[in-house]
Amino acid sequence: MGGASGSGKSYLARTYGRPHLLLDSFYREISEDSTPEGPVLPRTVYGEIDWDDPITWNLNAAVDAIVELLETGRTRVPDYSIATSSITGHEDLELAGGPIVAEGIFAAELPRALSQLGLRPGTDFQAWYIDQHRLPTAARRFARDVAERRKPVPFLVQRGWSLMRQDRQIREHYLSAGFVPVPKPELHRRLGGRYRRGG
């Protein structure tokens, strides 16, 4: 499941996922930015690490976790702290009857990677984009990030303004990656009706 940061991906995934796979767990650590040659992670125009750039995310590790979950029924996922940009531990995740609802701001990178690998026969893969207006998304994102103390407030203000201006571009990126735009109430209906009954 994809959508702009703050669109409600985590809420839907926690509600309906069996299990909920948080793709943000596969962010790279800030320690990876320090090399003898200097910083390697991308920067924003205001000089901070651009955590909205897919380069700051470990696609291969996320795909490996999904494949392992499908093949064995369990996997180990990093416990990632956004506040410190580091892995603080690990969590065991088990397949509890399905569906696996994987969500995160880099979900757009998954369809191509999974298609190249080839999902096991019978796997039902849906790529849905939470389609809603950018203003409530921005307000929800800012309130969440401040409440969770994800980053310093000045950084959150700059990031929030930048993301709100890029909202249309973000949506187009997901759609070009094969995602289908679906309003949030319809996603509740689809996920609740289809999966809560095990259908």
N, C-alpha and C. Protein backbone atom coordinates (compact mmCIF):
# COMPACT_ATOMS: atom_id res chain seq x y z
N MET A 1 0.83 -1.18 0.00
CA MET A 1 0.00 0.00 0.00
C MET A 1 0.88 1.24 0.00
N GLY A 2 0.55 2.18 -0.85
CA GLY A 2 1.34 3.39 -0.96
C GLY A 2 0.50 4.63 -0.69
N GLY A 3 1.19 5.73 -0.54
CA GLY A 3 0.51 7.00 -0.30
C GLY A 3 1.51 8.00 0.24
N ALA A 4 1.11 9.25 0.25
CA ALA A 4 1.98 10.28 0.80
C ALA A 4 2.18 10.06 2.29
N SER A 5 3.29 10.55 2.82
CA SER A 5 3.54 10.47 4.25
C SER A 5 2.41 11.18 5.00
N GLY A 6 1.76 10.47 5.94
CA GLY A 6 0.65 11.05 6.68
C GLY A 6 -0.72 10.72 6.11
N SER A 7 -0.77 9.92 5.06
CA SER A 7 -2.06 9.62 4.41
C SER A 7 -2.87 8.55 5.13
N GLY A 8 -2.26 7.85 6.08
CA GLY A 8 -2.99 6.83 6.83
C GLY A 8 -2.60 5.41 6.49
N LYS A 9 -1.45 5.21 5.85
CA LYS A 9 -1.02 3.87 5.46
C LYS A 9 -0.86 2.95 6.66
N SER A 10 -0.18 3.46 7.70
CA SER A 10 0.09 2.62 8.87
C SER A 10 -1.18 2.22 9.59
N TYR A 11 -2.13 3.15 9.67
CA TYR A 11 -3.40 2.83 10.34
C TYR A 11 -4.13 1.70 9.62
N LEU A 12 -4.23 1.81 8.32
CA LEU A 12 -4.90 0.77 7.54
C LEU A 12 -4.17 -0.57 7.65
N ALA A 13 -2.85 -0.51 7.59
CA ALA A 13 -2.06 -1.74 7.65
C ALA A 13 -2.16 -2.40 9.02
N ARG A 14 -2.14 -1.60 10.09
CA ARG A 14 -2.29 -2.16 11.45
C ARG A 14 -3.67 -2.77 11.63
N THR A 15 -4.67 -2.13 11.03
CA THR A 15 -6.04 -2.59 11.20
C THR A 15 -6.32 -3.89 10.48
N TYR A 16 -5.81 -4.02 9.27
CA TYR A 16 -6.18 -5.15 8.42
C TYR A 16 -5.05 -6.14 8.12
N GLY A 17 -3.81 -5.76 8.38
CA GLY A 17 -2.69 -6.63 8.03
C GLY A 17 -2.54 -7.82 8.97
N ARG A 18 -2.28 -8.96 8.40
CA ARG A 18 -1.98 -10.16 9.18
C ARG A 18 -0.78 -10.86 8.53
N PRO A 19 0.42 -10.26 8.61
CA PRO A 19 0.81 -9.15 9.47
C PRO A 19 0.89 -7.81 8.73
N HIS A 20 1.21 -6.77 9.50
CA HIS A 20 1.52 -5.44 8.98
C HIS A 20 3.04 -5.37 8.83
N LEU A 21 3.50 -5.19 7.60
CA LEU A 21 4.94 -5.07 7.34
C LEU A 21 5.27 -3.60 7.10
N LEU A 22 5.98 -3.01 8.05
CA LEU A 22 6.34 -1.60 7.98
C LEU A 22 7.61 -1.46 7.15
N LEU A 23 7.46 -0.96 5.94
CA LEU A 23 8.61 -0.84 5.04
C LEU A 23 9.62 0.19 5.51
N ASP A 24 9.17 1.17 6.32
CA ASP A 24 10.10 2.17 6.85
C ASP A 24 11.14 1.54 7.78
N SER A 25 10.91 0.30 8.20
CA SER A 25 11.89 -0.40 9.04
C SER A 25 13.19 -0.64 8.29
N PHE A 26 13.13 -0.53 6.96
CA PHE A 26 14.30 -0.83 6.15
C PHE A 26 15.05 0.43 5.68
N TYR A 27 14.82 1.54 6.38
CA TYR A 27 15.64 2.73 6.13
C TYR A 27 17.11 2.40 6.41
N ARG A 28 17.98 3.09 5.73
CA ARG A 28 19.41 2.96 6.02
C ARG A 28 19.74 3.76 7.28
N GLU A 29 20.79 3.35 7.97
CA GLU A 29 21.19 4.03 9.19
C GLU A 29 22.03 5.26 8.86
N ILE A 30 21.97 6.25 9.75
CA ILE A 30 22.73 7.48 9.52
C ILE A 30 24.23 7.20 9.52
N SER A 31 24.64 6.12 10.19
CA SER A 31 26.06 5.77 10.21
C SER A 31 26.58 5.43 8.81
N GLU A 32 25.67 5.00 7.91
CA GLU A 32 26.08 4.67 6.55
C GLU A 32 26.44 5.93 5.75
N ASP A 33 26.12 7.09 6.30
CA ASP A 33 26.41 8.34 5.60
C ASP A 33 27.87 8.76 5.77
N SER A 34 28.53 8.15 6.75
CA SER A 34 29.92 8.53 7.05
C SER A 34 30.88 7.54 6.42
N THR A 35 31.63 8.03 5.46
CA THR A 35 32.67 7.22 4.81
C THR A 35 33.95 8.05 4.74
N PRO A 36 35.08 7.41 4.50
CA PRO A 36 36.32 8.19 4.35
C PRO A 36 36.23 9.24 3.25
N GLU A 37 35.37 8.98 2.26
CA GLU A 37 35.24 9.93 1.13
C GLU A 37 34.25 11.05 1.45
N GLY A 38 33.54 10.92 2.57
CA GLY A 38 32.57 11.94 2.94
C GLY A 38 31.14 11.40 2.92
N PRO A 39 30.13 12.28 3.11
CA PRO A 39 28.73 11.85 3.13
C PRO A 39 28.32 11.22 1.80
N VAL A 40 27.44 10.20 1.87
CA VAL A 40 27.01 9.51 0.65
C VAL A 40 25.50 9.57 0.45
N LEU A 41 24.75 9.85 1.50
CA LEU A 41 23.29 9.89 1.35
C LEU A 41 22.87 11.23 0.73
N PRO A 42 21.78 11.22 -0.06
CA PRO A 42 21.36 12.45 -0.75
C PRO A 42 20.93 13.55 0.22
N ARG A 43 21.06 14.79 -0.24
CA ARG A 43 20.73 15.96 0.59
C ARG A 43 19.54 16.71 0.00
N THR A 44 18.80 17.39 0.90
CA THR A 44 17.74 18.29 0.46
C THR A 44 18.36 19.62 0.05
N VAL A 45 17.54 20.51 -0.48
CA VAL A 45 18.04 21.83 -0.86
C VAL A 45 18.43 22.64 0.37
N TYR A 46 17.93 22.25 1.55
CA TYR A 46 18.30 22.96 2.77
C TYR A 46 19.38 22.22 3.56
N GLY A 47 20.07 21.27 2.91
CA GLY A 47 21.29 20.70 3.46
C GLY A 47 21.16 19.50 4.36
N GLU A 48 19.94 19.04 4.67
CA GLU A 48 19.75 17.87 5.52
C GLU A 48 19.71 16.61 4.65
N ILE A 49 19.91 15.45 5.29
CA ILE A 49 19.75 14.19 4.56
C ILE A 49 18.31 14.11 4.05
N ASP A 50 18.15 13.74 2.80
CA ASP A 50 16.82 13.66 2.20
C ASP A 50 16.25 12.26 2.42
N TRP A 51 15.55 12.09 3.54
CA TRP A 51 15.00 10.78 3.89
C TRP A 51 13.80 10.42 3.04
N ASP A 52 13.40 11.29 2.12
CA ASP A 52 12.33 10.97 1.18
C ASP A 52 12.87 10.48 -0.16
N ASP A 53 14.19 10.34 -0.25
CA ASP A 53 14.83 9.81 -1.45
C ASP A 53 14.98 8.30 -1.30
N PRO A 54 14.57 7.50 -2.29
CA PRO A 54 14.67 6.04 -2.19
C PRO A 54 16.07 5.51 -1.92
N ILE A 55 17.09 6.30 -2.19
CA ILE A 55 18.46 5.86 -1.93
C ILE A 55 18.69 5.65 -0.43
N THR A 56 17.89 6.33 0.41
CA THR A 56 18.04 6.17 1.86
C THR A 56 17.32 4.94 2.38
N TRP A 57 16.79 4.12 1.47
CA TRP A 57 16.00 2.94 1.85
C TRP A 57 16.62 1.70 1.23
N ASN A 58 16.62 0.58 1.98
CA ASN A 58 17.24 -0.65 1.52
C ASN A 58 16.21 -1.55 0.85
N LEU A 59 16.02 -1.37 -0.45
CA LEU A 59 15.03 -2.13 -1.21
C LEU A 59 15.30 -3.63 -1.14
N ASN A 60 16.55 -4.04 -1.29
CA ASN A 60 16.86 -5.47 -1.31
C ASN A 60 16.49 -6.15 0.00
N ALA A 61 16.74 -5.48 1.12
CA ALA A 61 16.41 -6.06 2.42
C ALA A 61 14.90 -6.18 2.58
N ALA A 62 14.14 -5.21 2.09
CA ALA A 62 12.68 -5.26 2.18
C ALA A 62 12.13 -6.40 1.33
N VAL A 63 12.63 -6.54 0.13
CA VAL A 63 12.17 -7.62 -0.76
C VAL A 63 12.52 -8.98 -0.16
N ASP A 64 13.72 -9.11 0.40
CA ASP A 64 14.13 -10.38 1.02
C ASP A 64 13.18 -10.75 2.16
N ALA A 65 12.77 -9.76 2.94
CA ALA A 65 11.85 -10.02 4.06
C ALA A 65 10.49 -10.49 3.56
N ILE A 66 9.98 -9.86 2.49
CA ILE A 66 8.69 -10.26 1.93
C ILE A 66 8.75 -11.69 1.40
N VAL A 67 9.80 -12.00 0.65
CA VAL A 67 9.95 -13.34 0.08
C VAL A 67 10.07 -14.38 1.20
N GLU A 68 10.86 -14.07 2.22
CA GLU A 68 11.02 -15.01 3.33
C GLU A 68 9.70 -15.23 4.06
N LEU A 69 8.93 -14.16 4.24
CA LEU A 69 7.64 -14.26 4.90
C LEU A 69 6.68 -15.14 4.09
N LEU A 70 6.70 -14.99 2.78
CA LEU A 70 5.84 -15.80 1.92
C LEU A 70 6.28 -17.27 1.90
N GLU A 71 7.59 -17.49 1.90
CA GLU A 71 8.10 -18.85 1.75
C GLU A 71 8.13 -19.64 3.05
N THR A 72 8.39 -18.96 4.17
CA THR A 72 8.56 -19.67 5.44
C THR A 72 7.51 -19.33 6.48
N GLY A 73 6.75 -18.24 6.25
CA GLY A 73 5.75 -17.84 7.22
C GLY A 73 6.27 -16.93 8.31
N ARG A 74 7.55 -16.60 8.24
CA ARG A 74 8.11 -15.70 9.24
C ARG A 74 9.34 -14.98 8.69
N THR A 75 9.68 -13.86 9.32
CA THR A 75 10.89 -13.13 8.94
C THR A 75 11.30 -12.25 10.11
N ARG A 76 12.47 -11.67 10.04
CA ARG A 76 13.00 -10.79 11.07
C ARG A 76 13.12 -9.39 10.48
N VAL A 77 12.53 -8.43 11.16
CA VAL A 77 12.47 -7.05 10.64
C VAL A 77 13.21 -6.12 11.60
N PRO A 78 14.00 -5.18 11.07
CA PRO A 78 14.68 -4.22 11.96
C PRO A 78 13.68 -3.36 12.73
N ASP A 79 14.03 -3.05 13.96
CA ASP A 79 13.28 -2.06 14.75
C ASP A 79 14.02 -0.74 14.55
N TYR A 80 13.48 0.10 13.66
CA TYR A 80 14.20 1.30 13.22
C TYR A 80 13.67 2.54 13.95
N SER A 81 14.57 3.33 14.49
CA SER A 81 14.19 4.58 15.16
C SER A 81 14.36 5.74 14.17
N ILE A 82 13.24 6.34 13.78
CA ILE A 82 13.31 7.49 12.87
C ILE A 82 13.96 8.68 13.58
N ALA A 83 13.73 8.80 14.88
CA ALA A 83 14.30 9.93 15.63
C ALA A 83 15.82 9.92 15.61
N THR A 84 16.42 8.71 15.71
CA THR A 84 17.89 8.63 15.72
C THR A 84 18.46 8.11 14.41
N SER A 85 17.58 7.75 13.45
CA SER A 85 18.01 7.22 12.15
C SER A 85 18.94 6.03 12.33
N SER A 86 18.50 5.09 13.18
CA SER A 86 19.34 3.92 13.45
C SER A 86 18.48 2.72 13.82
N ILE A 87 19.05 1.54 13.67
CA ILE A 87 18.38 0.30 14.06
C ILE A 87 18.66 0.05 15.54
N THR A 88 17.59 -0.13 16.31
CA THR A 88 17.74 -0.32 17.75
C THR A 88 17.50 -1.76 18.19
N GLY A 89 17.12 -2.63 17.28
CA GLY A 89 16.86 -4.02 17.59
C GLY A 89 16.18 -4.69 16.41
N HIS A 90 15.54 -5.82 16.65
CA HIS A 90 14.83 -6.54 15.60
C HIS A 90 13.53 -7.12 16.14
N GLU A 91 12.58 -7.36 15.25
CA GLU A 91 11.29 -7.92 15.61
C GLU A 91 10.99 -9.11 14.71
N ASP A 92 10.50 -10.18 15.32
CA ASP A 92 10.08 -11.34 14.54
C ASP A 92 8.65 -11.13 14.06
N LEU A 93 8.43 -11.33 12.77
CA LEU A 93 7.12 -11.13 12.15
C LEU A 93 6.65 -12.47 11.60
N GLU A 94 5.38 -12.82 11.89
CA GLU A 94 4.85 -14.10 11.43
C GLU A 94 3.61 -13.88 10.57
N LEU A 95 3.47 -14.74 9.58
CA LEU A 95 2.29 -14.72 8.72
C LEU A 95 1.12 -15.31 9.51
N ALA A 96 0.10 -14.49 9.74
CA ALA A 96 -1.03 -14.91 10.58
C ALA A 96 -2.29 -15.06 9.74
N GLY A 97 -2.20 -15.82 8.68
CA GLY A 97 -3.36 -16.05 7.82
C GLY A 97 -3.49 -15.10 6.66
N GLY A 98 -2.73 -14.02 6.68
CA GLY A 98 -2.76 -13.05 5.59
C GLY A 98 -3.95 -12.11 5.72
N PRO A 99 -3.95 -11.00 5.00
CA PRO A 99 -2.92 -10.63 4.03
C PRO A 99 -1.70 -9.99 4.67
N ILE A 100 -0.59 -10.02 3.96
CA ILE A 100 0.54 -9.17 4.33
C ILE A 100 0.21 -7.79 3.78
N VAL A 101 0.09 -6.80 4.65
CA VAL A 101 -0.13 -5.43 4.19
C VAL A 101 1.17 -4.68 4.42
N ALA A 102 1.92 -4.48 3.33
CA ALA A 102 3.19 -3.79 3.39
C ALA A 102 2.96 -2.33 3.01
N GLU A 103 3.49 -1.43 3.83
CA GLU A 103 3.27 0.00 3.55
C GLU A 103 4.49 0.80 3.96
N GLY A 104 4.65 1.93 3.27
CA GLY A 104 5.74 2.84 3.55
C GLY A 104 5.87 3.82 2.39
N ILE A 105 6.66 4.87 2.60
CA ILE A 105 6.72 5.91 1.57
C ILE A 105 7.48 5.45 0.33
N PHE A 106 8.18 4.31 0.43
CA PHE A 106 8.91 3.80 -0.73
C PHE A 106 8.24 2.57 -1.34
N ALA A 107 6.98 2.37 -1.03
CA ALA A 107 6.26 1.21 -1.57
C ALA A 107 6.24 1.20 -3.09
N ALA A 108 6.38 2.36 -3.71
CA ALA A 108 6.36 2.43 -5.17
C ALA A 108 7.51 1.66 -5.80
N GLU A 109 8.55 1.38 -5.00
CA GLU A 109 9.70 0.66 -5.54
C GLU A 109 9.47 -0.85 -5.58
N LEU A 110 8.43 -1.34 -4.89
CA LEU A 110 8.23 -2.78 -4.74
C LEU A 110 7.70 -3.53 -5.96
N PRO A 111 6.64 -3.03 -6.65
CA PRO A 111 6.05 -3.83 -7.73
C PRO A 111 7.06 -4.32 -8.76
N ARG A 112 7.94 -3.43 -9.21
CA ARG A 112 8.92 -3.83 -10.22
C ARG A 112 9.86 -4.90 -9.68
N ALA A 113 10.33 -4.70 -8.44
CA ALA A 113 11.28 -5.65 -7.86
C ALA A 113 10.63 -7.02 -7.65
N LEU A 114 9.40 -7.04 -7.17
CA LEU A 114 8.71 -8.31 -6.92
C LEU A 114 8.36 -9.01 -8.23
N SER A 115 8.01 -8.22 -9.23
CA SER A 115 7.68 -8.81 -10.54
C SER A 115 8.90 -9.47 -11.16
N GLN A 116 10.06 -8.84 -10.99
CA GLN A 116 11.29 -9.40 -11.54
C GLN A 116 11.66 -10.71 -10.86
N LEU A 117 11.36 -10.79 -9.55
CA LEU A 117 11.65 -12.02 -8.82
C LEU A 117 10.68 -13.13 -9.18
N GLY A 118 9.42 -12.73 -9.40
CA GLY A 118 8.38 -13.71 -9.65
C GLY A 118 7.79 -14.19 -8.35
N LEU A 119 6.55 -13.79 -8.05
CA LEU A 119 5.90 -14.23 -6.83
C LEU A 119 5.48 -15.68 -6.98
N ARG A 120 5.35 -16.37 -5.86
CA ARG A 120 4.97 -17.78 -5.93
C ARG A 120 3.57 -17.92 -6.50
N PRO A 121 3.26 -19.01 -7.16
CA PRO A 121 1.94 -19.21 -7.77
C PRO A 121 0.81 -19.03 -6.76
N GLY A 122 -0.22 -18.32 -7.19
CA GLY A 122 -1.38 -18.10 -6.33
C GLY A 122 -1.30 -16.86 -5.47
N THR A 123 -0.14 -16.17 -5.49
CA THR A 123 -0.01 -14.96 -4.67
C THR A 123 -0.82 -13.83 -5.30
N ASP A 124 -1.69 -13.24 -4.50
CA ASP A 124 -2.53 -12.12 -4.95
C ASP A 124 -1.86 -10.83 -4.52
N PHE A 125 -1.35 -10.07 -5.49
CA PHE A 125 -0.61 -8.85 -5.19
C PHE A 125 -1.40 -7.63 -5.67
N GLN A 126 -1.75 -6.76 -4.74
CA GLN A 126 -2.49 -5.54 -5.07
C GLN A 126 -1.64 -4.32 -4.72
N ALA A 127 -1.56 -3.37 -5.62
CA ALA A 127 -0.82 -2.12 -5.38
C ALA A 127 -1.82 -0.98 -5.35
N TRP A 128 -2.17 -0.53 -4.13
CA TRP A 128 -3.17 0.52 -3.95
C TRP A 128 -2.52 1.78 -3.41
N TYR A 129 -2.94 2.92 -3.96
CA TYR A 129 -2.46 4.22 -3.52
C TYR A 129 -3.59 4.94 -2.79
N ILE A 130 -3.34 5.38 -1.56
CA ILE A 130 -4.37 6.10 -0.79
C ILE A 130 -4.56 7.48 -1.41
N ASP A 131 -5.72 7.70 -1.99
CA ASP A 131 -5.99 8.92 -2.74
C ASP A 131 -6.81 9.88 -1.90
N GLN A 132 -6.20 10.98 -1.45
CA GLN A 132 -6.93 11.99 -0.69
C GLN A 132 -6.25 13.35 -0.86
N HIS A 133 -6.95 14.40 -0.43
CA HIS A 133 -6.44 15.76 -0.62
C HIS A 133 -5.18 15.99 0.20
N ARG A 134 -4.29 16.82 -0.34
CA ARG A 134 -2.99 17.02 0.30
C ARG A 134 -3.05 17.78 1.62
N LEU A 135 -4.08 18.63 1.86
CA LEU A 135 -4.12 19.43 3.08
C LEU A 135 -4.34 18.60 4.34
N PRO A 136 -5.37 17.73 4.38
CA PRO A 136 -5.50 16.90 5.59
C PRO A 136 -4.32 15.96 5.76
N THR A 137 -3.73 15.50 4.65
CA THR A 137 -2.54 14.65 4.74
C THR A 137 -1.40 15.40 5.40
N ALA A 138 -1.18 16.65 4.99
CA ALA A 138 -0.09 17.46 5.54
C ALA A 138 -0.30 17.74 7.02
N ALA A 139 -1.55 18.07 7.39
CA ALA A 139 -1.85 18.36 8.79
C ALA A 139 -1.63 17.13 9.66
N ARG A 140 -2.10 15.97 9.18
CA ARG A 140 -1.94 14.73 9.94
C ARG A 140 -0.47 14.35 10.06
N ARG A 141 0.28 14.54 8.98
CA ARG A 141 1.71 14.21 8.99
C ARG A 141 2.46 15.06 10.01
N PHE A 142 2.19 16.36 10.02
CA PHE A 142 2.90 17.25 10.93
C PHE A 142 2.56 16.94 12.39
N ALA A 143 1.27 16.74 12.67
CA ALA A 143 0.85 16.42 14.04
C ALA A 143 1.49 15.12 14.52
N ARG A 144 1.51 14.12 13.66
CA ARG A 144 2.13 12.84 14.02
C ARG A 144 3.62 12.98 14.28
N ASP A 145 4.33 13.66 13.36
CA ASP A 145 5.78 13.76 13.48
C ASP A 145 6.20 14.55 14.71
N VAL A 146 5.44 15.59 15.05
CA VAL A 146 5.74 16.37 16.25
C VAL A 146 5.46 15.53 17.49
N ALA A 147 4.30 14.85 17.52
CA ALA A 147 3.94 14.03 18.68
C ALA A 147 4.95 12.92 18.93
N GLU A 148 5.47 12.34 17.85
CA GLU A 148 6.43 11.24 17.98
C GLU A 148 7.88 11.72 18.04
N ARG A 149 8.07 13.05 17.97
CA ARG A 149 9.41 13.65 18.03
C ARG A 149 10.36 13.01 17.03
N ARG A 150 9.86 12.87 15.80
CA ARG A 150 10.64 12.17 14.78
C ARG A 150 11.91 12.92 14.39
N LYS A 151 11.78 14.24 14.26
CA LYS A 151 12.91 15.08 13.91
C LYS A 151 12.67 16.46 14.55
N PRO A 152 13.69 17.34 14.57
CA PRO A 152 13.47 18.69 15.10
C PRO A 152 12.36 19.42 14.32
N VAL A 153 11.60 20.26 15.03
CA VAL A 153 10.45 20.93 14.43
C VAL A 153 10.82 21.75 13.18
N PRO A 154 11.92 22.52 13.19
CA PRO A 154 12.25 23.26 11.95
C PRO A 154 12.42 22.34 10.74
N PHE A 155 13.04 21.18 10.96
CA PHE A 155 13.19 20.21 9.87
C PHE A 155 11.83 19.72 9.41
N LEU A 156 10.91 19.43 10.36
CA LEU A 156 9.58 18.94 10.01
C LEU A 156 8.78 19.97 9.22
N VAL A 157 8.93 21.24 9.57
CA VAL A 157 8.22 22.30 8.84
C VAL A 157 8.73 22.37 7.40
N GLN A 158 10.05 22.36 7.23
CA GLN A 158 10.63 22.42 5.88
C GLN A 158 10.23 21.20 5.06
N ARG A 159 10.32 20.02 5.69
CA ARG A 159 9.97 18.79 4.99
C ARG A 159 8.49 18.77 4.62
N GLY A 160 7.65 19.18 5.57
CA GLY A 160 6.20 19.18 5.32
C GLY A 160 5.82 20.10 4.17
N TRP A 161 6.40 21.27 4.13
CA TRP A 161 6.12 22.21 3.05
C TRP A 161 6.57 21.66 1.71
N SER A 162 7.77 21.04 1.72
CA SER A 162 8.29 20.46 0.49
C SER A 162 7.40 19.32 -0.01
N LEU A 163 6.97 18.44 0.90
CA LEU A 163 6.13 17.31 0.50
C LEU A 163 4.76 17.78 0.00
N MET A 164 4.22 18.81 0.62
CA MET A 164 2.91 19.29 0.19
C MET A 164 3.00 19.85 -1.24
N ARG A 165 4.09 20.51 -1.55
CA ARG A 165 4.28 21.05 -2.90
C ARG A 165 4.50 19.93 -3.92
N GLN A 166 5.04 18.79 -3.45
CA GLN A 166 5.33 17.68 -4.36
C GLN A 166 4.20 16.66 -4.43
N ASP A 167 3.07 16.95 -3.80
CA ASP A 167 2.01 15.95 -3.66
C ASP A 167 1.59 15.35 -5.01
N ARG A 168 1.35 16.18 -5.99
CA ARG A 168 0.92 15.68 -7.30
C ARG A 168 2.00 14.82 -7.94
N GLN A 169 3.23 15.26 -7.82
CA GLN A 169 4.36 14.52 -8.38
C GLN A 169 4.50 13.15 -7.71
N ILE A 170 4.32 13.09 -6.39
CA ILE A 170 4.39 11.83 -5.65
C ILE A 170 3.30 10.88 -6.13
N ARG A 171 2.10 11.42 -6.29
CA ARG A 171 0.97 10.60 -6.76
C ARG A 171 1.26 10.02 -8.15
N GLU A 172 1.77 10.85 -9.04
CA GLU A 172 2.08 10.39 -10.40
C GLU A 172 3.17 9.33 -10.39
N HIS A 173 4.11 9.46 -9.47
CA HIS A 173 5.18 8.46 -9.36
C HIS A 173 4.60 7.09 -9.00
N TYR A 174 3.69 7.07 -8.04
CA TYR A 174 3.06 5.80 -7.66
C TYR A 174 2.24 5.21 -8.81
N LEU A 175 1.48 6.06 -9.46
CA LEU A 175 0.63 5.56 -10.55
C LEU A 175 1.48 5.02 -11.70
N SER A 176 2.60 5.67 -11.98
CA SER A 176 3.47 5.18 -13.04
C SER A 176 4.14 3.87 -12.66
N ALA A 177 4.22 3.59 -11.35
CA ALA A 177 4.80 2.34 -10.88
C ALA A 177 3.78 1.21 -10.84
N GLY A 178 2.53 1.52 -11.23
CA GLY A 178 1.51 0.48 -11.30
C GLY A 178 0.48 0.50 -10.20
N PHE A 179 0.52 1.52 -9.33
CA PHE A 179 -0.46 1.61 -8.26
C PHE A 179 -1.80 2.14 -8.78
N VAL A 180 -2.87 1.70 -8.14
CA VAL A 180 -4.22 2.15 -8.49
C VAL A 180 -4.70 3.10 -7.40
N PRO A 181 -5.11 4.34 -7.75
CA PRO A 181 -5.58 5.27 -6.73
C PRO A 181 -6.95 4.86 -6.18
N VAL A 182 -7.06 4.78 -4.85
CA VAL A 182 -8.29 4.38 -4.20
C VAL A 182 -8.54 5.29 -3.01
N PRO A 183 -9.73 5.91 -2.88
CA PRO A 183 -10.03 6.74 -1.71
C PRO A 183 -9.99 5.90 -0.43
N LYS A 184 -9.64 6.53 0.68
CA LYS A 184 -9.48 5.78 1.93
C LYS A 184 -10.75 5.05 2.36
N PRO A 185 -11.95 5.65 2.27
CA PRO A 185 -13.15 4.89 2.65
C PRO A 185 -13.33 3.61 1.84
N GLU A 186 -12.97 3.66 0.56
CA GLU A 186 -13.08 2.47 -0.28
C GLU A 186 -12.06 1.42 0.12
N LEU A 187 -10.87 1.87 0.55
CA LEU A 187 -9.86 0.92 1.02
C LEU A 187 -10.34 0.21 2.29
N HIS A 188 -10.98 0.94 3.18
CA HIS A 188 -11.56 0.31 4.37
C HIS A 188 -12.55 -0.78 3.95
N ARG A 189 -13.37 -0.46 2.96
CA ARG A 189 -14.37 -1.42 2.51
C ARG A 189 -13.71 -2.66 1.90
N ARG A 190 -12.72 -2.41 1.03
CA ARG A 190 -12.06 -3.54 0.36
C ARG A 190 -11.30 -4.42 1.35
N LEU A 191 -10.50 -3.79 2.19
CA LEU A 191 -9.70 -4.56 3.13
C LEU A 191 -10.57 -5.23 4.19
N GLY A 192 -11.53 -4.48 4.72
CA GLY A 192 -12.40 -5.03 5.75
C GLY A 192 -13.29 -6.14 5.23
N GLY A 193 -13.95 -5.90 4.10
CA GLY A 193 -14.86 -6.90 3.56
C GLY A 193 -14.17 -8.12 3.02
N ARG A 194 -13.03 -7.90 2.36
CA ARG A 194 -12.37 -9.03 1.69
C ARG A 194 -11.53 -9.87 2.62
N TYR A 195 -10.82 -9.19 3.53
CA TYR A 195 -9.83 -9.92 4.29
C TYR A 195 -10.25 -10.29 5.71
N ARG A 196 -11.12 -9.51 6.32
CA ARG A 196 -11.54 -9.88 7.66
C ARG A 196 -12.32 -11.19 7.66
N ARG A 197 -12.98 -11.46 6.54
CA ARG A 197 -13.73 -12.71 6.43
C ARG A 197 -12.86 -13.85 5.89
N GLY A 198 -11.58 -13.49 5.58
CA GLY A 198 -10.69 -14.52 5.05
C GLY A 198 -10.98 -14.89 3.62
N GLY A 199 -11.65 -13.98 2.86
CA GLY A 199 -12.02 -14.30 1.49
C GLY A 199 -10.94 -14.02 0.50
